[in-house]
Amino acid sequence: MKTPLTIALDAMGGDHGAKVVIAGAARALADQPGLQYRLYGDEGLVYKQLERFEELARASTVIPTSVTISMDAKPSQALRAGRRDSSMWKAIEAVKKGEAHAVVSAGNTGALMAMSKICLKMLPNIERPAIAGIWPTIKQPCIVLDLGGNVGASATKLVDFALMGAAMSRAIFHIDKPSVGLLNIGVEEVKGVEEVKTAHAVLADSDLPVDYRGFIEGNDIGKGEVDVVVTEGFSGNIALKTAEGTARQMGVYLREAMNSSLISKLGALLASGGFRALKHRMDTRRYNGGSFLGLKGIVIKSHGGTDEIGYASAINYACEFVRAGLVERIATDVEHFHNTLNGHSLSG
């Protein structure tokens, strides 16, 4: 885009609030000179943090808000009276009004999804946003969705997820025809629930802008077998949390092993360069930011407990999606698919 990008930030969202949001924004500005921000939150807290970053202060407009959505609030509570005065709602609304190109928040996931859906609305043929995340693998990062936005999904929704994930893959990885796999309990065609088997048949036989590879199992995700992994939100969220927990577990095992004896400590010292490379490769902060796909706007959910490095990653992803025209890509691909159905709905 020729015009400078403007990103709306919910400065009060997340476990650490404005401190991490402002520091992350400054780091992203260093990566992308010319970036502009609209910062929504407690005016005093935001300006206090901005004092540390002169360049960021010049690139930012602060919009005071009187309400902060708590991290443990239920979506129904967040949507009650007062929501329109919250930092979260105001930041989302900036995208709707055309005052910002995208919004990033580390706040309450359920509230952010509910507010985004109400404020921005869904693209045609999409009922509810899908949360897409970037997953490190042995080969190259892949995209996995849905990671918790939809518990259960029809065959039609699963195909929609495939199309949205492929559009995201083209936007950030620049892959012309991303490979797609359906997460299942086995690779045989007779396995899985009916919705998954029906989606498999459609993806295998339809003329869609994806390279469909069939079913994949959970252990295939980390192998990097496909560019996009499609599943419904219940299994997707479990897979994500299991992977995160396993990574932490292996980290503990490794530290214990390296400190178990003098010889082990010496070996760890000699291998310190390799360990640093491994740590960098597995650093989840580099992949921070879940994308709410299917909305009429770019919404990125940062992990609530991330630091400034992770928050900057979420902002950088938001910028990439805007520049790539992600919303328009998704709208075009999904519309084409639903037109090919000729008014017929898929079973499941």
Protein backbone atom coordinates (compact mmCIF):
# COMPACT_ATOMS: atom_id res chain seq x y z
CA MET A 1 0.00 0.00 0.00
CA LYS A 2 1.24 3.50 -0.84
CA THR A 3 -0.40 5.22 2.11
CA PRO A 4 1.21 4.72 5.55
CA LEU A 5 -0.31 1.89 7.53
CA THR A 6 -2.19 2.73 10.69
CA ILE A 7 -2.67 0.04 13.34
CA ALA A 8 -5.18 0.36 16.19
CA LEU A 9 -3.92 -1.06 19.49
CA ASP A 10 -5.94 -2.03 22.53
CA ALA A 11 -3.39 -0.62 24.95
CA MET A 12 -5.13 -2.06 28.01
CA GLY A 13 -5.37 -5.66 26.82
CA GLY A 14 -3.21 -8.54 28.06
CA ASP A 15 -1.62 -9.57 31.33
CA HIS A 16 0.80 -6.63 31.32
CA GLY A 17 -1.32 -3.91 29.71
CA ALA A 18 0.17 -0.73 28.31
CA LYS A 19 3.76 -1.49 29.32
CA VAL A 20 4.14 -4.38 26.87
CA VAL A 21 1.81 -2.91 24.23
CA ILE A 22 3.79 0.33 23.96
CA ALA A 23 7.18 -1.39 24.03
CA GLY A 24 6.02 -3.84 21.37
CA ALA A 25 4.69 -1.02 19.22
CA ALA A 26 8.06 0.73 19.43
CA ARG A 27 9.87 -2.44 18.36
CA ALA A 28 7.51 -2.92 15.39
CA LEU A 29 8.00 0.73 14.39
CA ALA A 30 11.74 0.10 14.24
CA ASP A 31 11.05 -2.81 11.86
CA GLN A 32 8.63 -0.78 9.75
CA PRO A 33 9.46 2.94 9.64
CA GLY A 34 6.48 5.09 8.76
CA LEU A 35 3.98 2.97 10.67
CA GLN A 36 1.28 4.96 12.47
CA TYR A 37 -0.65 3.96 15.60
CA ARG A 38 -3.94 4.76 17.28
CA LEU A 39 -3.61 3.85 20.95
CA TYR A 40 -6.78 3.23 22.95
CA GLY A 41 -6.72 3.11 26.74
CA ASP A 42 -6.18 4.96 30.00
CA GLU A 43 -4.67 8.28 28.88
CA GLY A 44 -2.38 8.66 31.89
CA LEU A 45 -0.99 5.13 31.67
CA VAL A 46 -0.44 5.31 27.92
CA TYR A 47 1.35 8.68 27.98
CA LYS A 48 3.52 7.50 30.88
CA GLN A 49 4.77 4.58 28.77
CA LEU A 50 5.18 6.76 25.67
CA GLU A 51 7.68 8.93 27.56
CA ARG A 52 10.24 6.17 26.98
CA PHE A 53 9.85 6.21 23.19
CA GLU A 54 10.08 9.62 21.51
CA GLU A 55 9.77 8.31 17.94
CA LEU A 56 6.76 6.18 18.85
CA ALA A 57 5.11 9.15 20.53
CA ARG A 58 5.41 11.15 17.31
CA ALA A 59 3.88 8.28 15.33
CA SER A 60 0.96 7.76 17.70
CA THR A 61 -2.44 9.25 18.41
CA VAL A 62 -3.79 8.52 21.88
CA ILE A 63 -7.56 8.11 22.26
CA PRO A 64 -8.65 7.97 25.93
CA THR A 65 -11.15 5.31 26.96
CA SER A 66 -12.92 4.79 30.26
CA VAL A 67 -13.53 1.02 30.29
CA THR A 68 -11.14 -1.94 30.26
CA ILE A 69 -12.42 -5.44 29.47
CA SER A 70 -11.02 -7.81 32.09
CA MET A 71 -9.21 -10.96 30.99
CA ASP A 72 -11.71 -13.21 32.79
CA ALA A 73 -14.91 -11.48 31.66
CA LYS A 74 -17.41 -13.63 29.81
CA PRO A 75 -18.22 -12.45 26.27
CA SER A 76 -21.80 -11.76 27.35
CA GLN A 77 -20.54 -9.50 30.14
CA ALA A 78 -18.16 -7.69 27.81
CA LEU A 79 -21.02 -6.98 25.39
CA ARG A 80 -23.22 -5.28 27.98
CA ALA A 81 -23.61 -1.57 28.57
CA GLY A 82 -20.31 0.25 28.52
CA ARG A 83 -18.64 -1.91 25.89
CA ARG A 84 -18.62 0.97 23.41
CA ASP A 85 -16.45 2.97 25.80
CA SER A 86 -13.85 0.19 26.18
CA SER A 87 -10.37 0.26 24.70
CA MET A 88 -11.11 -3.02 22.91
CA TRP A 89 -14.30 -1.86 21.21
CA LYS A 90 -12.86 1.53 20.24
CA ALA A 91 -9.81 -0.10 18.65
CA ILE A 92 -11.98 -2.49 16.62
CA GLU A 93 -14.32 0.35 15.65
CA ALA A 94 -11.36 2.29 14.24
CA VAL A 95 -11.03 -0.40 11.55
CA LYS A 96 -14.73 -0.24 10.77
CA LYS A 97 -14.58 3.55 10.40
CA GLY A 98 -11.51 3.39 8.19
CA GLU A 99 -9.34 5.16 10.78
CA ALA A 100 -7.02 2.14 11.01
CA HIS A 101 -6.10 -0.70 8.67
CA ALA A 102 -6.00 -3.40 11.37
CA VAL A 103 -6.42 -3.93 15.11
CA VAL A 104 -4.21 -5.84 17.55
CA SER A 105 -5.25 -6.80 21.07
CA ALA A 106 -3.80 -9.07 23.74
CA GLY A 107 -7.06 -8.92 25.65
CA ASN A 108 -9.85 -11.37 26.42
CA THR A 109 -10.16 -13.74 23.43
CA GLY A 110 -13.89 -14.41 23.75
CA ALA A 111 -14.70 -10.73 24.14
CA LEU A 112 -12.46 -9.77 21.22
CA MET A 113 -14.13 -12.32 18.96
CA ALA A 114 -17.66 -11.33 19.99
CA MET A 115 -16.98 -7.60 19.59
CA SER A 116 -15.18 -8.09 16.28
CA LYS A 117 -18.08 -10.07 14.87
CA ILE A 118 -20.65 -7.49 15.96
CA CYS A 119 -18.65 -4.42 15.00
CA LEU A 120 -16.94 -5.50 11.78
CA LYS A 121 -19.46 -8.14 10.59
CA MET A 122 -18.63 -11.32 8.73
CA LEU A 123 -17.77 -11.78 5.09
CA PRO A 124 -20.54 -13.32 2.96
CA ASN A 125 -21.00 -17.08 3.54
CA ILE A 126 -18.89 -17.04 6.73
CA GLU A 127 -20.83 -17.52 9.96
CA ARG A 128 -18.13 -17.10 12.59
CA PRO A 129 -14.42 -16.18 12.64
CA ALA A 130 -11.82 -18.93 12.67
CA ILE A 131 -8.65 -18.46 14.69
CA ALA A 132 -5.57 -19.19 12.58
CA GLY A 133 -2.10 -19.50 14.08
CA ILE A 134 1.41 -19.97 12.72
CA TRP A 135 3.00 -23.25 13.79
CA PRO A 136 6.78 -23.91 13.66
CA THR A 137 7.71 -27.19 11.96
CA ILE A 138 10.81 -29.14 10.96
CA LYS A 139 10.63 -27.69 7.44
CA GLN A 140 8.95 -24.29 7.44
CA PRO A 141 6.16 -22.71 9.50
CA CYS A 142 2.63 -23.77 8.62
CA ILE A 143 -0.81 -22.37 9.37
CA VAL A 144 -3.26 -24.24 11.60
CA LEU A 145 -6.94 -23.38 11.94
CA ASP A 146 -9.30 -23.38 13.72
CA LEU A 147 -7.56 -23.02 17.08
CA GLY A 148 -10.65 -22.46 19.20
CA GLY A 149 -13.09 -20.12 17.49
CA ASN A 150 -15.57 -22.85 16.54
CA VAL A 151 -16.29 -25.96 18.56
CA GLY A 152 -17.41 -28.41 15.90
CA ALA A 153 -17.68 -27.55 12.22
CA SER A 154 -19.74 -28.67 9.25
CA ALA A 155 -18.10 -29.92 6.07
CA THR A 156 -18.80 -26.56 4.42
CA LYS A 157 -17.07 -24.71 7.26
CA LEU A 158 -14.05 -26.98 7.04
CA VAL A 159 -13.69 -26.20 3.34
CA ASP A 160 -14.07 -22.50 4.16
CA PHE A 161 -11.26 -22.90 6.73
CA ALA A 162 -9.08 -24.48 4.05
CA LEU A 163 -9.67 -21.55 1.72
CA MET A 164 -9.06 -18.94 4.43
CA GLY A 165 -5.90 -20.67 5.62
CA ALA A 166 -4.61 -20.93 2.06
CA ALA A 167 -5.24 -17.21 1.51
CA MET A 168 -3.29 -16.46 4.68
CA SER A 169 -0.46 -18.72 3.52
CA ARG A 170 -0.24 -16.88 0.20
CA ALA A 171 -0.25 -13.56 2.05
CA ILE A 172 2.64 -14.22 4.44
CA PHE A 173 4.57 -17.11 2.89
CA HIS A 174 3.98 -16.13 -0.75
CA ILE A 175 3.01 -19.66 -1.81
CA ASP A 176 0.95 -19.61 -5.01
CA LYS A 177 -1.01 -22.79 -4.31
CA PRO A 178 -0.59 -23.82 -0.65
CA SER A 179 -0.80 -27.49 0.26
CA VAL A 180 -3.68 -28.33 2.60
CA GLY A 181 -4.29 -31.29 4.89
CA LEU A 182 -7.34 -32.24 6.97
CA LEU A 183 -6.48 -33.27 10.52
CA ASN A 184 -7.93 -36.70 11.23
CA ILE A 185 -7.44 -39.78 13.41
CA GLY A 186 -5.92 -41.64 10.48
CA VAL A 187 -5.06 -41.24 6.82
CA GLU A 188 -7.49 -43.90 5.58
CA GLU A 189 -10.60 -42.53 3.86
CA VAL A 190 -12.94 -44.61 6.03
CA LYS A 191 -11.72 -42.97 9.25
CA GLY A 192 -13.08 -39.85 10.91
CA VAL A 193 -16.46 -38.25 11.55
CA GLU A 194 -18.83 -37.63 8.64
CA GLU A 195 -18.15 -33.88 8.47
CA VAL A 196 -14.44 -34.50 7.97
CA LYS A 197 -14.98 -37.24 5.39
CA THR A 198 -17.41 -35.06 3.43
CA ALA A 199 -15.03 -32.10 3.47
CA HIS A 200 -12.29 -34.46 2.27
CA ALA A 201 -14.39 -35.52 -0.73
CA VAL A 202 -15.13 -31.90 -1.67
CA LEU A 203 -11.52 -30.74 -1.36
CA ALA A 204 -10.32 -33.72 -3.39
CA ASP A 205 -12.75 -33.17 -6.27
CA SER A 206 -13.26 -29.38 -6.43
CA ASP A 207 -11.37 -26.86 -8.53
CA LEU A 208 -10.12 -24.75 -5.63
CA PRO A 209 -6.92 -22.68 -5.27
CA VAL A 210 -5.30 -25.25 -2.97
CA ASP A 211 -3.06 -28.29 -3.33
CA TYR A 212 -5.09 -30.75 -1.30
CA ARG A 213 -3.00 -33.58 0.21
CA GLY A 214 -5.75 -35.49 2.03
CA PHE A 215 -5.85 -36.52 5.69
CA ILE A 216 -2.94 -35.93 8.05
CA GLU A 217 -2.49 -37.04 11.65
CA GLY A 218 -1.43 -34.99 14.66
CA ASN A 219 2.21 -36.08 14.47
CA ASP A 220 2.38 -34.79 10.87
CA ILE A 221 1.85 -31.15 11.88
CA GLY A 222 5.34 -30.69 13.29
CA LYS A 223 6.86 -32.49 10.29
CA GLY A 224 5.74 -29.66 8.02
CA GLU A 225 3.93 -32.05 5.66
CA VAL A 226 1.52 -29.32 4.48
CA ASP A 227 1.31 -25.52 4.43
CA VAL A 228 -2.17 -25.42 5.98
CA VAL A 229 -3.68 -27.77 8.57
CA VAL A 230 -7.47 -27.68 8.84
CA THR A 231 -9.51 -28.84 11.80
CA GLU A 232 -12.39 -27.65 13.97
CA GLY A 233 -11.75 -25.54 17.04
CA PHE A 234 -12.09 -28.17 19.77
CA SER A 235 -9.40 -30.49 18.43
CA GLY A 236 -7.35 -27.56 17.13
CA ASN A 237 -7.13 -25.91 20.55
CA ILE A 238 -6.23 -29.20 22.22
CA ALA A 239 -3.50 -29.80 19.64
CA LEU A 240 -2.08 -26.32 20.24
CA LYS A 241 -2.08 -26.58 24.03
CA THR A 242 -0.59 -30.09 23.87
CA ALA A 243 2.23 -28.90 21.63
CA GLU A 244 2.95 -25.92 23.89
CA GLY A 245 2.98 -28.13 26.97
CA THR A 246 5.22 -30.72 25.33
CA ALA A 247 7.71 -28.03 24.30
CA ARG A 248 7.90 -26.75 27.88
CA GLN A 249 8.25 -30.31 29.18
CA MET A 250 11.15 -31.05 26.82
CA GLY A 251 12.79 -27.79 27.86
CA VAL A 252 12.68 -28.84 31.52
CA TYR A 253 14.04 -32.30 30.68
CA LEU A 254 16.89 -30.77 28.68
CA ARG A 255 17.89 -28.33 31.43
CA GLU A 256 17.82 -31.12 34.02
CA ALA A 257 19.96 -33.36 31.83
CA MET A 258 22.50 -30.63 31.12
CA ASN A 259 22.90 -29.90 34.84
CA SER A 260 22.95 -33.50 36.05
CA SER A 261 26.75 -33.77 36.30
CA LEU A 262 29.97 -31.86 35.78
CA ILE A 263 30.52 -33.61 32.44
CA SER A 264 26.99 -32.68 31.33
CA LYS A 265 27.58 -29.04 32.29
CA LEU A 266 30.81 -29.00 30.31
CA GLY A 267 29.01 -30.51 27.32
CA ALA A 268 26.28 -27.90 27.61
CA LEU A 269 28.91 -25.15 27.61
CA LEU A 270 30.53 -26.53 24.47
CA ALA A 271 27.14 -26.85 22.78
CA SER A 272 25.88 -23.44 23.88
CA GLY A 273 25.85 -22.08 20.34
CA GLY A 274 23.65 -24.92 19.16
CA PHE A 275 21.31 -24.46 22.11
CA ARG A 276 20.93 -20.76 21.31
CA ALA A 277 20.04 -21.62 17.72
CA LEU A 278 17.50 -24.17 18.93
CA LYS A 279 15.98 -21.68 21.36
CA HIS A 280 15.62 -19.10 18.61
CA ARG A 281 14.01 -21.57 16.24
CA MET A 282 11.46 -22.67 18.85
CA ASP A 283 10.81 -19.18 20.23
CA THR A 284 7.00 -18.92 20.14
CA ARG A 285 7.22 -15.13 20.34
CA ARG A 286 8.30 -15.09 16.69
CA TYR A 287 4.93 -16.63 15.76
CA ASN A 288 2.74 -14.75 18.21
CA GLY A 289 -0.63 -13.59 16.91
CA GLY A 290 -3.81 -15.50 16.16
CA SER A 291 -5.69 -14.14 13.15
CA PHE A 292 -9.48 -13.92 13.22
CA LEU A 293 -10.23 -14.95 9.65
CA GLY A 294 -13.59 -14.36 7.97
CA LEU A 295 -14.21 -10.83 9.25
CA LYS A 296 -14.55 -7.69 7.16
CA GLY A 297 -11.31 -6.43 8.65
CA ILE A 298 -7.96 -7.56 10.06
CA VAL A 299 -8.06 -8.53 13.74
CA ILE A 300 -5.01 -10.06 15.44
CA LYS A 301 -5.16 -11.63 18.90
CA SER A 302 -1.82 -11.50 20.66
CA HIS A 303 -1.10 -13.95 23.46
CA GLY A 304 -2.06 -12.25 26.71
CA GLY A 305 1.17 -13.13 28.49
CA THR A 306 3.63 -12.26 25.73
CA ASP A 307 6.41 -9.72 26.00
CA GLU A 308 7.34 -6.83 23.70
CA ILE A 309 9.00 -9.16 21.16
CA GLY A 310 5.88 -11.25 20.83
CA TYR A 311 3.60 -8.22 20.63
CA ALA A 312 5.75 -6.71 17.89
CA SER A 313 5.37 -9.96 15.94
CA ALA A 314 1.59 -9.64 16.13
CA ILE A 315 1.76 -6.07 14.80
CA ASN A 316 4.08 -7.11 11.98
CA TYR A 317 1.69 -9.88 10.94
CA ALA A 318 -1.17 -7.39 10.91
CA CYS A 319 0.80 -5.17 8.54
CA GLU A 320 1.61 -8.10 6.23
CA PHE A 321 -2.04 -9.11 6.02
CA VAL A 322 -3.14 -5.58 5.16
CA ARG A 323 -0.51 -5.17 2.46
CA ALA A 324 -1.43 -8.56 0.97
CA GLY A 325 -5.15 -7.73 0.82
CA LEU A 326 -5.97 -10.79 2.93
CA VAL A 327 -9.64 -9.92 3.49
CA GLU A 328 -10.24 -9.46 -0.22
CA ARG A 329 -8.44 -12.73 -1.03
CA ILE A 330 -10.59 -14.66 1.43
CA ALA A 331 -13.81 -13.05 0.19
CA THR A 332 -13.03 -13.95 -3.43
CA ASP A 333 -12.05 -17.57 -2.76
CA VAL A 334 -14.96 -18.31 -0.42
CA GLU A 335 -17.47 -16.69 -2.79
CA HIS A 336 -16.16 -18.81 -5.67
CA PHE A 337 -16.50 -22.00 -3.63
CA HIS A 338 -20.06 -21.27 -2.50
CA ASN A 339 -21.08 -20.34 -6.04
CA THR A 340 -19.93 -23.76 -7.21
CA LEU A 341 -22.33 -25.38 -4.78
CA ASN A 342 -25.20 -24.07 -6.96
CA GLY A 343 -27.51 -23.69 -4.03
CA HIS A 344 -26.86 -27.16 -2.62
CA SER A 345 -25.63 -27.56 0.95
CA LEU A 346 -23.12 -30.21 2.00
CA SER A 347 -24.19 -32.87 4.42
CA GLY A 348 -22.74 -32.52 7.93
